[in-house]
């Protein structure tokens, strides 16, 4: 019985998800992990094909100027999709 208890505790330790930092994953890091260009990550997130975060589109400031896109990429969602653990950038 004690041996079974030890085995179960070991399995639980292995299944525990890592802790994730509060800051988002940079687009360049997600692109590298996924093996695609940054623009591909943003386009697929915006179209709904890639559910790892959000894309925000700003309003153009001048007539004819393109809007800018900003992203929030969730460390947890990227981990769930790829197994990659983002630990944040060391500053």
PDB file of N, CA and C in Angstrom:
ATOM      1  N   UNK A   1       0.820  -1.198   0.000  1.00  0.00           N
ATOM      2  CA  UNK A   1       0.000   0.000   0.000  1.00  0.00           C
ATOM      3  C   UNK A   1       0.864   1.262   0.000  1.00  0.00           C
ATOM      4  N   UNK A   2       1.924   1.226   0.795  1.00  0.00           N
ATOM      5  CA  UNK A   2       2.830   2.376   0.870  1.00  0.00           C
ATOM      6  C   UNK A   2       3.515   2.619  -0.469  1.00  0.00           C
ATOM      7  N   UNK A   3       3.865   1.547  -1.160  1.00  0.00           N
ATOM      8  CA  UNK A   3       4.501   1.661  -2.477  1.00  0.00           C
ATOM      9  C   UNK A   3       3.546   2.300  -3.483  1.00  0.00           C
ATOM     10  N   UNK A   4       2.284   1.933  -3.446  1.00  0.00           N
ATOM     11  CA  UNK A   4       1.273   2.527  -4.328  1.00  0.00           C
ATOM     12  C   UNK A   4       1.122   4.013  -4.043  1.00  0.00           C
ATOM     13  N   UNK A   5       1.129   4.379  -2.783  1.00  0.00           N
ATOM     14  CA  UNK A   5       1.027   5.778  -2.397  1.00  0.00           C
ATOM     15  C   UNK A   5       2.204   6.572  -2.960  1.00  0.00           C
ATOM     16  N   UNK A   6       3.422   6.035  -2.869  1.00  0.00           N
ATOM     17  CA  UNK A   6       4.609   6.697  -3.407  1.00  0.00           C
ATOM     18  C   UNK A   6       4.498   6.870  -4.924  1.00  0.00           C
ATOM     19  N   UNK A   7       4.014   5.845  -5.599  1.00  0.00           N
ATOM     20  CA  UNK A   7       3.869   5.909  -7.059  1.00  0.00           C
ATOM     21  C   UNK A   7       2.860   6.976  -7.458  1.00  0.00           C
ATOM     22  N   UNK A   8       1.741   7.045  -6.759  1.00  0.00           N
ATOM     23  CA  UNK A   8       0.712   8.035  -7.066  1.00  0.00           C
ATOM     24  C   UNK A   8       1.218   9.458  -6.823  1.00  0.00           C
ATOM     25  N   UNK A   9       1.951   9.664  -5.753  1.00  0.00           N
ATOM     26  CA  UNK A   9       2.516  10.986  -5.472  1.00  0.00           C
ATOM     27  C   UNK A   9       3.499  11.395  -6.565  1.00  0.00           C
ATOM     28  N   UNK A  10       4.274  10.469  -7.056  1.00  0.00           N
ATOM     29  CA  UNK A  10       5.220  10.755  -8.127  1.00  0.00           C
ATOM     30  C   UNK A  10       4.491  11.144  -9.414  1.00  0.00           C
ATOM     31  N   UNK A  11       3.432  10.442  -9.743  1.00  0.00           N
ATOM     32  CA  UNK A  11       2.639  10.763 -10.932  1.00  0.00           C
ATOM     33  C   UNK A  11       2.019  12.147 -10.805  1.00  0.00           C
ATOM     34  N   UNK A  12       1.500  12.472  -9.630  1.00  0.00           N
ATOM     35  CA  UNK A  12       0.910  13.791  -9.408  1.00  0.00           C
ATOM     36  C   UNK A  12       1.942  14.897  -9.572  1.00  0.00           C
ATOM     37  N   UNK A  13       3.150  14.680  -9.086  1.00  0.00           N
ATOM     38  CA  UNK A  13       4.222  15.681  -9.234  1.00  0.00           C
ATOM     39  C   UNK A  13       4.546  15.901 -10.706  1.00  0.00           C
ATOM     40  N   UNK A  14       4.564  14.843 -11.486  1.00  0.00           N
ATOM     41  CA  UNK A  14       4.880  14.941 -12.908  1.00  0.00           C
ATOM     42  C   UNK A  14       3.764  15.643 -13.688  1.00  0.00           C
ATOM     43  N   UNK A  15       2.530  15.495 -13.246  1.00  0.00           N
ATOM     44  CA  UNK A  15       1.389  16.072 -13.954  1.00  0.00           C
ATOM     45  C   UNK A  15       1.154  17.541 -13.622  1.00  0.00           C
ATOM     46  N   UNK A  16       1.787  18.028 -12.592  1.00  0.00           N
ATOM     47  CA  UNK A  16       1.570  19.406 -12.167  1.00  0.00           C
ATOM     48  C   UNK A  16       2.043  20.382 -13.238  1.00  0.00           C
ATOM     49  N   UNK A  17       1.192  21.338 -13.585  1.00  0.00           N
ATOM     50  CA  UNK A  17       1.558  22.352 -14.570  1.00  0.00           C
ATOM     51  C   UNK A  17       2.567  23.317 -13.972  1.00  0.00           C
ATOM     52  N   UNK A  18       3.451  23.822 -14.808  1.00  0.00           N
ATOM     53  CA  UNK A  18       4.419  24.800 -14.306  1.00  0.00           C
ATOM     54  C   UNK A  18       3.741  26.122 -13.967  1.00  0.00           C
ATOM     55  N   UNK A  19       4.451  26.949 -13.219  1.00  0.00           N
ATOM     56  CA  UNK A  19       3.943  28.287 -12.938  1.00  0.00           C
ATOM     57  C   UNK A  19       4.268  29.174 -14.128  1.00  0.00           C
ATOM     58  N   UNK A  20       3.375  30.108 -14.414  1.00  0.00           N
ATOM     59  CA  UNK A  20       3.544  30.986 -15.563  1.00  0.00           C
ATOM     60  C   UNK A  20       3.719  32.423 -15.096  1.00  0.00           C
ATOM     61  N   UNK A  21       4.620  33.164 -15.747  1.00  0.00           N
ATOM     62  CA  UNK A  21       4.815  34.566 -15.363  1.00  0.00           C
ATOM     63  C   UNK A  21       3.615  35.405 -15.787  1.00  0.00           C
ATOM     64  N   UNK A  22       3.435  36.576 -15.167  1.00  0.00           N
ATOM     65  CA  UNK A  22       2.284  37.414 -15.512  1.00  0.00           C
ATOM     66  C   UNK A  22       2.416  38.097 -16.877  1.00  0.00           C
ATOM     67  N   UNK A  23       3.647  38.281 -17.363  1.00  0.00           N
ATOM     68  CA  UNK A  23       3.794  38.974 -18.637  1.00  0.00           C
ATOM     69  C   UNK A  23       3.547  38.027 -19.814  1.00  0.00           C
ATOM     70  N   UNK A  24       3.087  38.583 -20.930  1.00  0.00           N
ATOM     71  CA  UNK A  24       2.793  37.758 -22.102  1.00  0.00           C
ATOM     72  C   UNK A  24       4.066  37.271 -22.789  1.00  0.00           C
ATOM     73  N   UNK A  25       3.901  36.271 -23.622  1.00  0.00           N
ATOM     74  CA  UNK A  25       4.997  35.756 -24.444  1.00  0.00           C
ATOM     75  C   UNK A  25       5.168  36.706 -25.631  1.00  0.00           C
ATOM     76  N   UNK A  26       6.389  37.156 -25.907  1.00  0.00           N
ATOM     77  CA  UNK A  26       6.592  37.999 -27.087  1.00  0.00           C
ATOM     78  C   UNK A  26       6.251  37.237 -28.372  1.00  0.00           C
ATOM     79  N   UNK A  27       5.751  37.954 -29.347  1.00  0.00           N
ATOM     80  CA  UNK A  27       5.370  37.339 -30.619  1.00  0.00           C
ATOM     81  C   UNK A  27       6.556  36.629 -31.257  1.00  0.00           C
ATOM     82  N   UNK A  28       7.758  37.226 -31.167  1.00  0.00           N
ATOM     83  CA  UNK A  28       8.942  36.614 -31.774  1.00  0.00           C
ATOM     84  C   UNK A  28       9.254  35.249 -31.143  1.00  0.00           C
ATOM     85  N   UNK A  29       9.000  35.108 -29.837  1.00  0.00           N
ATOM     86  CA  UNK A  29       9.248  33.839 -29.151  1.00  0.00           C
ATOM     87  C   UNK A  29       8.210  32.799 -29.582  1.00  0.00           C
ATOM     88  N   UNK A  30       6.948  33.191 -29.619  1.00  0.00           N
ATOM     89  CA  UNK A  30       5.886  32.265 -30.052  1.00  0.00           C
ATOM     90  C   UNK A  30       6.139  31.807 -31.485  1.00  0.00           C
ATOM     91  N   UNK A  31       6.575  32.735 -32.345  1.00  0.00           N
ATOM     92  CA  UNK A  31       6.853  32.383 -33.743  1.00  0.00           C
ATOM     93  C   UNK A  31       7.970  31.352 -33.828  1.00  0.00           C
ATOM     94  N   UNK A  32       9.014  31.541 -33.037  1.00  0.00           N
ATOM     95  CA  UNK A  32      10.133  30.600 -33.039  1.00  0.00           C
ATOM     96  C   UNK A  32       9.687  29.224 -32.553  1.00  0.00           C
ATOM     97  N   UNK A  33       8.893  29.205 -31.475  1.00  0.00           N
ATOM     98  CA  UNK A  33       8.405  27.934 -30.919  1.00  0.00           C
ATOM     99  C   UNK A  33       7.524  27.200 -31.928  1.00  0.00           C
ATOM    100  N   UNK A  34       6.688  27.955 -32.631  1.00  0.00           N
ATOM    101  CA  UNK A  34       5.763  27.356 -33.602  1.00  0.00           C
ATOM    102  C   UNK A  34       6.404  27.106 -34.966  1.00  0.00           C
ATOM    103  N   UNK A  35       7.597  27.667 -35.181  1.00  0.00           N
ATOM    104  CA  UNK A  35       8.293  27.449 -36.452  1.00  0.00           C
ATOM    105  C   UNK A  35       7.714  28.223 -37.612  1.00  0.00           C
ATOM    106  N   UNK A  36       7.160  29.414 -37.330  1.00  0.00           N
ATOM    107  CA  UNK A  36       6.568  30.252 -38.378  1.00  0.00           C
ATOM    108  C   UNK A  36       7.030  31.697 -38.190  1.00  0.00           C
ATOM    109  N   UNK A  37       6.688  32.551 -39.146  1.00  0.00           N
ATOM    110  CA  UNK A  37       7.000  33.971 -39.057  1.00  0.00           C
ATOM    111  C   UNK A  37       6.082  34.649 -38.036  1.00  0.00           C
ATOM    112  N   UNK A  38       6.531  35.785 -37.504  1.00  0.00           N
ATOM    113  CA  UNK A  38       5.712  36.538 -36.548  1.00  0.00           C
ATOM    114  C   UNK A  38       4.379  36.949 -37.169  1.00  0.00           C
ATOM    115  N   UNK A  39       4.419  37.373 -38.426  1.00  0.00           N
ATOM    116  CA  UNK A  39       3.177  37.796 -39.083  1.00  0.00           C
ATOM    117  C   UNK A  39       2.188  36.641 -39.200  1.00  0.00           C
ATOM    118  N   UNK A  40       2.697  35.428 -39.367  1.00  0.00           N
ATOM    119  CA  UNK A  40       1.821  34.250 -39.449  1.00  0.00           C
ATOM    120  C   UNK A  40       1.128  34.013 -38.115  1.00  0.00           C
ATOM    121  N   UNK A  41       1.870  34.153 -37.020  1.00  0.00           N
ATOM    122  CA  UNK A  41       1.274  33.997 -35.681  1.00  0.00           C
ATOM    123  C   UNK A  41       0.154  35.015 -35.504  1.00  0.00           C
ATOM    124  N   UNK A  42       0.436  36.276 -35.828  1.00  0.00           N
ATOM    125  CA  UNK A  42      -0.561  37.338 -35.650  1.00  0.00           C
ATOM    126  C   UNK A  42      -1.771  37.103 -36.547  1.00  0.00           C
ATOM    127  N   UNK A  43      -1.533  36.774 -37.817  1.00  0.00           N
ATOM    128  CA  UNK A  43      -2.646  36.546 -38.749  1.00  0.00           C
ATOM    129  C   UNK A  43      -3.518  35.377 -38.311  1.00  0.00           C
ATOM    130  N   UNK A  44      -2.897  34.280 -37.877  1.00  0.00           N
ATOM    131  CA  UNK A  44      -3.676  33.111 -37.451  1.00  0.00           C
ATOM    132  C   UNK A  44      -4.427  33.365 -36.148  1.00  0.00           C
ATOM    133  N   UNK A  45      -3.816  34.149 -35.256  1.00  0.00           N
ATOM    134  CA  UNK A  45      -4.532  34.518 -34.033  1.00  0.00           C
ATOM    135  C   UNK A  45      -5.737  35.388 -34.371  1.00  0.00           C
ATOM    136  N   UNK A  46      -5.527  36.345 -35.267  1.00  0.00           N
ATOM    137  CA  UNK A  46      -6.603  37.270 -35.633  1.00  0.00           C
ATOM    138  C   UNK A  46      -7.751  36.554 -36.338  1.00  0.00           C
ATOM    139  N   UNK A  47      -7.415  35.538 -37.146  1.00  0.00           N
ATOM    140  CA  UNK A  47      -8.457  34.805 -37.877  1.00  0.00           C
ATOM    141  C   UNK A  47      -9.158  33.761 -37.005  1.00  0.00           C
ATOM    142  N   UNK A  48      -8.583  33.468 -35.833  1.00  0.00           N
ATOM    143  CA  UNK A  48      -9.180  32.464 -34.952  1.00  0.00           C
ATOM    144  C   UNK A  48      -8.600  31.075 -35.127  1.00  0.00           C
ATOM    145  N   UNK A  49      -7.664  30.905 -36.053  1.00  0.00           N
ATOM    146  CA  UNK A  49      -7.036  29.596 -36.279  1.00  0.00           C
ATOM    147  C   UNK A  49      -6.120  29.186 -35.135  1.00  0.00           C
ATOM    148  N   UNK A  50      -5.544  30.174 -34.451  1.00  0.00           N
ATOM    149  CA  UNK A  50      -4.563  29.918 -33.408  1.00  0.00           C
ATOM    150  C   UNK A  50      -5.047  30.576 -32.114  1.00  0.00           C
ATOM    151  N   UNK A  51      -5.503  29.748 -31.186  1.00  0.00           N
ATOM    152  CA  UNK A  51      -6.091  30.259 -29.941  1.00  0.00           C
ATOM    153  C   UNK A  51      -5.058  30.269 -28.815  1.00  0.00           C
ATOM    154  N   UNK A  52      -4.143  31.248 -28.876  1.00  0.00           N
ATOM    155  CA  UNK A  52      -3.131  31.360 -27.824  1.00  0.00           C
ATOM    156  C   UNK A  52      -3.143  32.736 -27.177  1.00  0.00           C
ATOM    157  N   UNK A  53      -4.080  33.572 -27.563  1.00  0.00           N
ATOM    158  CA  UNK A  53      -4.137  34.912 -26.993  1.00  0.00           C
ATOM    159  C   UNK A  53      -5.071  35.815 -27.770  1.00  0.00           C
ATOM    160  N   UNK A  54      -4.755  37.114 -27.746  1.00  0.00           N
ATOM    161  CA  UNK A  54      -5.613  38.122 -28.368  1.00  0.00           C
ATOM    162  C   UNK A  54      -4.813  39.035 -29.282  1.00  0.00           C
ATOM    163  N   UNK A  55      -5.492  39.576 -30.284  1.00  0.00           N
ATOM    164  CA  UNK A  55      -4.904  40.589 -31.164  1.00  0.00           C
ATOM    165  C   UNK A  55      -5.754  41.844 -31.047  1.00  0.00           C
ATOM    166  N   UNK A  56      -5.090  42.953 -30.801  1.00  0.00           N
ATOM    167  CA  UNK A  56      -5.758  44.243 -30.690  1.00  0.00           C
ATOM    168  C   UNK A  56      -5.362  45.079 -31.890  1.00  0.00           C
ATOM    169  N   UNK A  57      -6.346  45.697 -32.527  1.00  0.00           N
ATOM    170  CA  UNK A  57      -6.069  46.548 -33.674  1.00  0.00           C
ATOM    171  C   UNK A  57      -6.365  47.992 -33.286  1.00  0.00           C
ATOM    172  N   UNK A  58      -5.363  48.868 -33.463  1.00  0.00           N
ATOM    173  CA  UNK A  58      -5.544  50.283 -33.130  1.00  0.00           C
ATOM    174  C   UNK A  58      -6.189  51.010 -34.300  1.00  0.00           C
ATOM    175  N   UNK A  59      -6.783  52.136 -34.012  1.00  0.00           N
ATOM    176  CA  UNK A  59      -7.382  52.957 -35.060  1.00  0.00           C
ATOM    177  C   UNK A  59      -6.279  53.756 -35.747  1.00  0.00           C
ATOM    178  N   UNK A  60      -6.386  53.934 -37.058  1.00  0.00           N
ATOM    179  CA  UNK A  60      -5.391  54.762 -37.746  1.00  0.00           C
ATOM    180  C   UNK A  60      -5.480  56.206 -37.249  1.00  0.00           C
ATOM    181  N   UNK A  61      -4.337  56.863 -37.108  1.00  0.00           N
ATOM    182  CA  UNK A  61      -4.337  58.239 -36.620  1.00  0.00           C
ATOM    183  C   UNK A  61      -4.527  59.253 -37.738  1.00  0.00           C
ATOM    184  N   UNK A  62      -4.126  58.894 -38.946  1.00  0.00           N
ATOM    185  CA  UNK A  62      -4.272  59.808 -40.083  1.00  0.00           C
ATOM    186  C   UNK A  62      -4.962  59.083 -41.229  1.00  0.00           C
ATOM    187  N   UNK A  63      -5.582  59.836 -42.078  1.00  0.00           N
ATOM    188  CA  UNK A  63      -6.264  59.269 -43.234  1.00  0.00           C
ATOM    189  C   UNK A  63      -5.268  58.490 -44.096  1.00  0.00           C
ATOM    190  N   UNK A  64      -5.615  57.270 -44.439  1.00  0.00           N
ATOM    191  CA  UNK A  64      -4.769  56.438 -45.276  1.00  0.00           C
ATOM    192  C   UNK A  64      -3.692  55.661 -44.525  1.00  0.00           C
ATOM    193  N   UNK A  65      -3.544  55.934 -43.242  1.00  0.00           N
ATOM    194  CA  UNK A  65      -2.534  55.235 -42.460  1.00  0.00           C
ATOM    195  C   UNK A  65      -3.098  53.893 -41.981  1.00  0.00           C
ATOM    196  N   UNK A  66      -2.293  52.854 -42.056  1.00  0.00           N
ATOM    197  CA  UNK A  66      -2.742  51.521 -41.643  1.00  0.00           C
ATOM    198  C   UNK A  66      -2.852  51.452 -40.117  1.00  0.00           C
ATOM    199  N   UNK A  67      -3.780  50.633 -39.647  1.00  0.00           N
ATOM    200  CA  UNK A  67      -3.892  50.438 -38.200  1.00  0.00           C
ATOM    201  C   UNK A  67      -2.776  49.494 -37.753  1.00  0.00           C
ATOM    202  N   UNK A  68      -2.405  49.592 -36.491  1.00  0.00           N
ATOM    203  CA  UNK A  68      -1.363  48.737 -35.922  1.00  0.00           C
ATOM    204  C   UNK A  68      -2.010  47.594 -35.148  1.00  0.00           C
ATOM    205  N   UNK A  69      -1.324  46.461 -35.117  1.00  0.00           N
ATOM    206  CA  UNK A  69      -1.816  45.324 -34.359  1.00  0.00           C
ATOM    207  C   UNK A  69      -0.875  45.041 -33.193  1.00  0.00           C
ATOM    208  N   UNK A  70      -1.461  44.825 -32.044  1.00  0.00           N
ATOM    209  CA  UNK A  70      -0.714  44.439 -30.855  1.00  0.00           C
ATOM    210  C   UNK A  70      -1.255  43.085 -30.401  1.00  0.00           C
ATOM    211  N   UNK A  71      -0.415  42.315 -29.733  1.00  0.00           N
ATOM    212  CA  UNK A  71      -0.843  40.984 -29.310  1.00  0.00           C
ATOM    213  C   UNK A  71      -0.665  40.785 -27.813  1.00  0.00           C
ATOM    214  N   UNK A  72      -1.464  39.888 -27.294  1.00  0.00           N
ATOM    215  CA  UNK A  72      -1.251  39.324 -25.961  1.00  0.00           C
ATOM    216  C   UNK A  72      -1.221  37.819 -26.175  1.00  0.00           C
ATOM    217  N   UNK A  73      -0.085  37.187 -25.898  1.00  0.00           N
ATOM    218  CA  UNK A  73       0.037  35.736 -26.043  1.00  0.00           C
ATOM    219  C   UNK A  73       0.168  35.145 -24.641  1.00  0.00           C
ATOM    220  N   UNK A  74      -0.770  34.299 -24.300  1.00  0.00           N
ATOM    221  CA  UNK A  74      -0.837  33.683 -22.981  1.00  0.00           C
ATOM    222  C   UNK A  74       0.240  32.607 -22.826  1.00  0.00           C
ATOM    223  N   UNK A  75       1.082  32.724 -21.796  1.00  0.00           N
ATOM    224  CA  UNK A  75       2.077  31.673 -21.556  1.00  0.00           C
ATOM    225  C   UNK A  75       1.431  30.300 -21.335  1.00  0.00           C
ATOM    226  N   UNK A  76       0.296  30.287 -20.650  1.00  0.00           N
ATOM    227  CA  UNK A  76      -0.378  29.017 -20.371  1.00  0.00           C
ATOM    228  C   UNK A  76      -0.948  28.392 -21.640  1.00  0.00           C
ATOM    229  N   UNK A  77      -1.579  29.205 -22.491  1.00  0.00           N
ATOM    230  CA  UNK A  77      -2.155  28.656 -23.725  1.00  0.00           C
ATOM    231  C   UNK A  77      -1.069  28.158 -24.677  1.00  0.00           C
ATOM    232  N   UNK A  78       0.053  28.880 -24.748  1.00  0.00           N
ATOM    233  CA  UNK A  78       1.150  28.422 -25.594  1.00  0.00           C
ATOM    234  C   UNK A  78       1.716  27.109 -25.052  1.00  0.00           C
ATOM    235  N   UNK A  79       1.819  26.990 -23.734  1.00  0.00           N
ATOM    236  CA  UNK A  79       2.276  25.748 -23.107  1.00  0.00           C
ATOM    237  C   UNK A  79       1.326  24.593 -23.429  1.00  0.00           C
ATOM    238  N   UNK A  80       0.024  24.839 -23.309  1.00  0.00           N
ATOM    239  CA  UNK A  80      -0.956  23.776 -23.561  1.00  0.00           C
ATOM    240  C   UNK A  80      -0.907  23.294 -25.013  1.00  0.00           C
ATOM    241  N   UNK A  81      -0.575  24.189 -25.925  1.00  0.00           N
ATOM    242  CA  UNK A  81      -0.511  23.832 -27.348  1.00  0.00           C
ATOM    243  C   UNK A  81       0.809  23.157 -27.706  1.00  0.00           C
ATOM    244  N   UNK A  82       1.912  23.627 -27.122  1.00  0.00           N
ATOM    245  CA  UNK A  82       3.230  23.186 -27.574  1.00  0.00           C
ATOM    246  C   UNK A  82       4.074  22.464 -26.534  1.00  0.00           C
ATOM    247  N   UNK A  83       3.763  22.675 -25.249  1.00  0.00           N
ATOM    248  CA  UNK A  83       4.607  22.129 -24.198  1.00  0.00           C
ATOM    249  C   UNK A  83       5.766  23.050 -23.833  1.00  0.00           C
ATOM    250  N   UNK A  84       5.882  24.199 -24.510  1.00  0.00           N
ATOM    251  CA  UNK A  84       6.944  25.167 -24.241  1.00  0.00           C
ATOM    252  C   UNK A  84       6.585  25.987 -23.001  1.00  0.00           C
ATOM    253  N   UNK A  85       7.520  26.091 -22.070  1.00  0.00           N
ATOM    254  CA  UNK A  85       7.294  26.863 -20.844  1.00  0.00           C
ATOM    255  C   UNK A  85       8.019  28.195 -20.970  1.00  0.00           C
ATOM    256  N   UNK A  86       7.248  29.278 -20.999  1.00  0.00           N
ATOM    257  CA  UNK A  86       7.814  30.634 -21.031  1.00  0.00           C
ATOM    258  C   UNK A  86       8.045  31.065 -19.599  1.00  0.00           C
ATOM    259  N   UNK A  87       9.286  31.416 -19.289  1.00  0.00           N
ATOM    260  CA  UNK A  87       9.631  31.821 -17.929  1.00  0.00           C
ATOM    261  C   UNK A  87       9.849  33.313 -17.805  1.00  0.00           C
ATOM    262  N   UNK A  88       9.579  34.032 -18.866  1.00  0.00           N
ATOM    263  CA  UNK A  88       9.781  35.487 -18.853  1.00  0.00           C
ATOM    264  C   UNK A  88      11.195  35.831 -19.289  1.00  0.00           C
ATOM    265  N   UNK A  89      11.378  37.086 -19.590  1.00  0.00           N
ATOM    266  CA  UNK A  89      12.693  37.544 -20.009  1.00  0.00           C
ATOM    267  C   UNK A  89      13.466  38.041 -18.805  1.00  0.00           C
ATOM    268  N   UNK A  90      14.721  37.699 -18.766  1.00  0.00           N
ATOM    269  CA  UNK A  90      15.582  38.179 -17.687  1.00  0.00           C
ATOM    270  C   UNK A  90      16.068  39.558 -18.054  1.00  0.00           C
ATOM    271  N   UNK A  91      15.894  40.485 -17.143  1.00  0.00           N
ATOM    272  CA  UNK A  91      16.289  41.871 -17.419  1.00  0.00           C
ATOM    273  C   UNK A  91      17.453  42.266 -16.582  1.00  0.00           C
TER     274      UNK A  91
END
